[in-house]
Amino acid sequence: MISTSKILFPAVFIVLAGFLFSCESNFKDVQKINVSTYAPIGEADTINLKYTDSGKVKAILVSPKMLDFSNAAFPYTEFPKGIDVTLYDNGEKKSFVRSDYAITYKGTDIIDLQGDVKITSEDGKILETTQLYYDQKREWFFTEKKCKLTLGPGNEFYTKGFDASRDFKDINGQVFFGEGQANDF
């Protein structure tokens, strides 16, 4: 004779096992409830910003996309599709800045330009590199990356590490090599 407990125990075990294995683990979904998505506070397409000081245009920035992260702990503005900037000095001479990507940090006034970075002065001087920083307060460019500096036909120089004033009147490099006249600096 088979006892009821011998039949009941395996049946209860099978039902309990079925319940345990049929429940899905949604622990990751529960974790996501309190996590907010890191997103920009503002977003703009096809922008054309003009910066003026005392009624004079100092800079014009054109970009296909701008993301504003001023809500971050360290606020910044990102230009993921690049920028074209025209800088004007006090004599209204222009410098042109182009890069594939840019990010500006509000607390430091430093702009980080990346990708194909090219700066051209109105008098034809050209700087090309893969990353360049611009200090807006000091109006100074600097990098530790390799650079190509063209000062005119036949005056091409290369350097690793470079800094210069916005108008390229003051230029410093760690090691220059190339062809041209040193007094063209």
Protein backbone atom coordinates (compact mmCIF):
# COMPACT_ATOMS: atom_id res chain seq x y z
CA MET A 1 0.00 0.00 0.00
CA ILE A 2 1.32 3.45 -0.92
CA SER A 3 1.04 6.10 1.73
CA THR A 4 -0.51 9.50 1.00
CA SER A 5 2.59 11.33 2.23
CA LYS A 6 4.75 9.57 -0.37
CA ILE A 7 2.48 10.88 -3.15
CA LEU A 8 1.76 14.30 -1.65
CA PHE A 9 5.41 15.31 -1.04
CA PRO A 10 6.60 14.90 -4.67
CA ALA A 11 3.46 16.64 -5.95
CA VAL A 12 4.02 19.64 -3.64
CA PHE A 13 7.69 19.73 -4.64
CA ILE A 14 6.82 19.78 -8.37
CA VAL A 15 4.26 22.57 -7.91
CA LEU A 16 6.70 24.64 -5.79
CA ALA A 17 9.52 24.14 -8.31
CA GLY A 18 7.16 25.23 -11.10
CA PHE A 19 6.40 28.46 -9.24
CA LEU A 20 10.06 29.20 -8.60
CA PHE A 21 11.17 28.63 -12.18
CA SER A 22 8.22 30.37 -13.80
CA CYS A 23 8.91 33.74 -12.12
CA GLU A 24 11.04 36.15 -14.15
CA SER A 25 13.79 38.09 -12.53
CA ASN A 26 13.02 41.77 -12.99
CA PHE A 27 15.72 43.04 -10.65
CA LYS A 28 17.33 45.07 -13.45
CA ASP A 29 13.99 46.72 -14.22
CA VAL A 30 13.59 47.65 -10.57
CA GLN A 31 17.10 49.17 -10.58
CA LYS A 32 16.24 51.31 -13.62
CA ILE A 33 13.30 52.97 -11.86
CA ASN A 34 15.50 55.36 -9.86
CA VAL A 35 18.07 56.00 -12.60
CA SER A 36 17.44 59.06 -14.77
CA THR A 37 18.76 59.21 -18.31
CA TYR A 38 21.73 61.55 -18.78
CA ALA A 39 20.38 63.90 -21.40
CA PRO A 40 21.02 67.48 -22.47
CA ILE A 41 18.82 70.19 -21.04
CA GLY A 42 18.67 71.85 -24.46
CA GLU A 43 19.25 70.87 -28.06
CA ALA A 44 19.49 73.05 -31.17
CA ASP A 45 19.86 72.32 -34.87
CA THR A 46 21.49 74.62 -37.44
CA ILE A 47 22.69 77.39 -35.15
CA ASN A 48 24.29 80.73 -36.02
CA LEU A 49 25.44 82.58 -32.88
CA LYS A 50 26.94 86.05 -32.89
CA TYR A 51 28.94 87.18 -29.86
CA THR A 52 29.23 90.93 -29.46
CA ASP A 53 31.07 93.12 -26.98
CA SER A 54 30.42 96.88 -26.74
CA GLY A 55 28.48 96.78 -30.00
CA LYS A 56 31.23 95.04 -31.99
CA VAL A 57 30.99 91.50 -33.30
CA LYS A 58 33.75 89.43 -31.68
CA ALA A 59 32.82 85.96 -32.97
CA ILE A 60 30.31 84.14 -35.16
CA LEU A 61 29.74 80.43 -34.47
CA VAL A 62 27.90 78.21 -36.97
CA SER A 63 27.10 74.56 -36.21
CA PRO A 64 24.61 71.96 -37.43
CA LYS A 65 23.98 70.66 -33.86
CA MET A 66 24.40 71.94 -30.30
CA LEU A 67 23.71 70.07 -27.06
CA ASP A 68 23.47 72.04 -23.80
CA PHE A 69 24.53 70.13 -20.68
CA SER A 70 24.33 73.10 -18.29
CA ASN A 71 22.41 70.80 -15.93
CA ALA A 72 25.52 68.63 -15.36
CA ALA A 73 27.73 68.91 -12.27
CA PHE A 74 30.47 70.32 -14.56
CA PRO A 75 28.41 72.26 -17.17
CA TYR A 76 29.38 72.13 -20.82
CA THR A 77 28.05 72.64 -24.34
CA GLU A 78 28.77 70.04 -27.00
CA PHE A 79 28.88 70.43 -30.78
CA PRO A 80 28.88 66.79 -31.98
CA LYS A 81 28.74 67.65 -35.68
CA GLY A 82 31.48 70.27 -35.62
CA ILE A 83 31.77 74.04 -35.73
CA ASP A 84 32.81 76.89 -38.00
CA VAL A 85 33.85 80.00 -36.07
CA THR A 86 34.92 83.40 -37.33
CA LEU A 87 36.90 85.38 -34.72
CA TYR A 88 37.35 89.15 -35.02
CA ASP A 89 40.15 91.05 -33.30
CA ASN A 90 39.97 94.73 -32.30
CA GLY A 91 41.14 95.79 -35.76
CA GLU A 92 38.39 93.61 -37.27
CA LYS A 93 40.89 91.15 -38.74
CA LYS A 94 39.43 87.67 -38.98
CA SER A 95 40.57 84.20 -37.99
CA PHE A 96 38.61 81.14 -39.08
CA VAL A 97 38.31 77.98 -36.97
CA ARG A 98 36.85 74.70 -38.21
CA SER A 99 36.63 71.34 -36.43
CA ASP A 100 34.66 68.08 -36.67
CA TYR A 101 33.71 68.17 -32.98
CA ALA A 102 33.85 70.75 -30.21
CA ILE A 103 33.02 71.00 -26.54
CA THR A 104 33.16 74.11 -24.38
CA TYR A 105 33.33 74.02 -20.60
CA LYS A 106 31.44 76.86 -18.91
CA GLY A 107 33.51 76.90 -15.71
CA THR A 108 36.87 77.22 -17.47
CA ASP A 109 36.07 79.01 -20.75
CA ILE A 110 38.17 76.38 -22.54
CA ILE A 111 37.03 75.06 -25.92
CA ASP A 112 38.23 71.59 -26.94
CA LEU A 113 38.35 71.19 -30.74
CA GLN A 114 38.76 67.68 -32.14
CA GLY A 115 38.90 65.80 -35.44
CA ASP A 116 40.18 67.69 -38.46
CA VAL A 117 40.96 71.02 -36.82
CA LYS A 118 41.98 73.87 -39.10
CA ILE A 119 42.62 77.50 -38.21
CA THR A 120 43.23 80.08 -40.89
CA SER A 121 44.21 83.69 -40.26
CA GLU A 122 43.20 86.48 -42.61
CA ASP A 123 46.82 86.87 -43.76
CA GLY A 124 46.97 83.21 -44.90
CA LYS A 125 48.63 81.44 -41.96
CA ILE A 126 47.15 77.95 -41.46
CA LEU A 127 47.35 75.57 -38.50
CA GLU A 128 46.17 71.96 -38.89
CA THR A 129 45.98 69.34 -36.12
CA THR A 130 43.73 66.63 -34.62
CA GLN A 131 43.03 68.34 -31.30
CA LEU A 132 43.38 71.92 -30.19
CA TYR A 133 42.30 73.86 -27.12
CA TYR A 134 41.29 77.50 -27.13
CA ASP A 135 41.39 79.59 -23.96
CA GLN A 136 38.71 82.23 -24.52
CA LYS A 137 39.91 84.48 -21.67
CA ARG A 138 43.52 84.63 -22.84
CA GLU A 139 42.64 84.26 -26.56
CA TRP A 140 45.27 81.55 -26.82
CA PHE A 141 45.46 78.25 -28.77
CA PHE A 142 47.41 75.26 -27.43
CA THR A 143 47.89 71.52 -27.97
CA GLU A 144 50.26 68.64 -27.31
CA LYS A 145 49.33 66.92 -30.58
CA LYS A 146 51.25 66.98 -33.86
CA CYS A 147 50.61 70.12 -35.92
CA LYS A 148 51.28 71.48 -39.36
CA LEU A 149 51.81 75.24 -39.58
CA THR A 150 51.79 76.93 -42.99
CA LEU A 151 53.04 80.51 -43.00
CA GLY A 152 52.89 80.95 -46.76
CA PRO A 153 54.09 79.25 -49.95
CA GLY A 154 57.22 77.21 -49.19
CA ASN A 155 56.97 77.87 -45.44
CA GLU A 156 55.60 74.68 -43.89
CA PHE A 157 56.59 73.62 -40.41
CA TYR A 158 55.65 70.65 -38.26
CA THR A 159 55.71 70.39 -34.49
CA LYS A 160 54.47 68.25 -31.66
CA GLY A 161 53.12 70.62 -29.06
CA PHE A 162 52.14 74.12 -30.00
CA ASP A 163 50.68 77.30 -28.57
CA ALA A 164 49.91 80.65 -30.15
CA SER A 165 47.92 83.82 -29.83
CA ARG A 166 44.65 83.95 -31.69
CA ASP A 167 46.18 86.00 -34.54
CA PHE A 168 49.37 83.82 -34.71
CA LYS A 169 51.59 86.81 -33.90
CA ASP A 170 53.06 84.95 -30.92
CA ILE A 171 53.88 81.31 -31.77
CA ASN A 172 55.62 78.73 -29.60
CA GLY A 173 56.37 75.13 -30.47
CA GLN A 174 58.24 72.38 -28.68
CA VAL A 175 60.26 71.23 -31.70
CA PHE A 176 59.80 72.70 -35.18
CA PHE A 177 61.00 71.06 -38.35
CA GLY A 178 60.20 71.81 -41.99
CA GLU A 179 61.11 74.19 -44.75
CA GLY A 180 60.96 77.95 -44.62
CA GLN A 181 62.42 80.96 -42.93
CA ALA A 182 62.50 81.11 -39.14
CA ASN A 183 62.10 84.89 -39.19
CA ASP A 184 58.62 84.39 -40.76
CA PHE A 185 57.34 83.65 -37.28
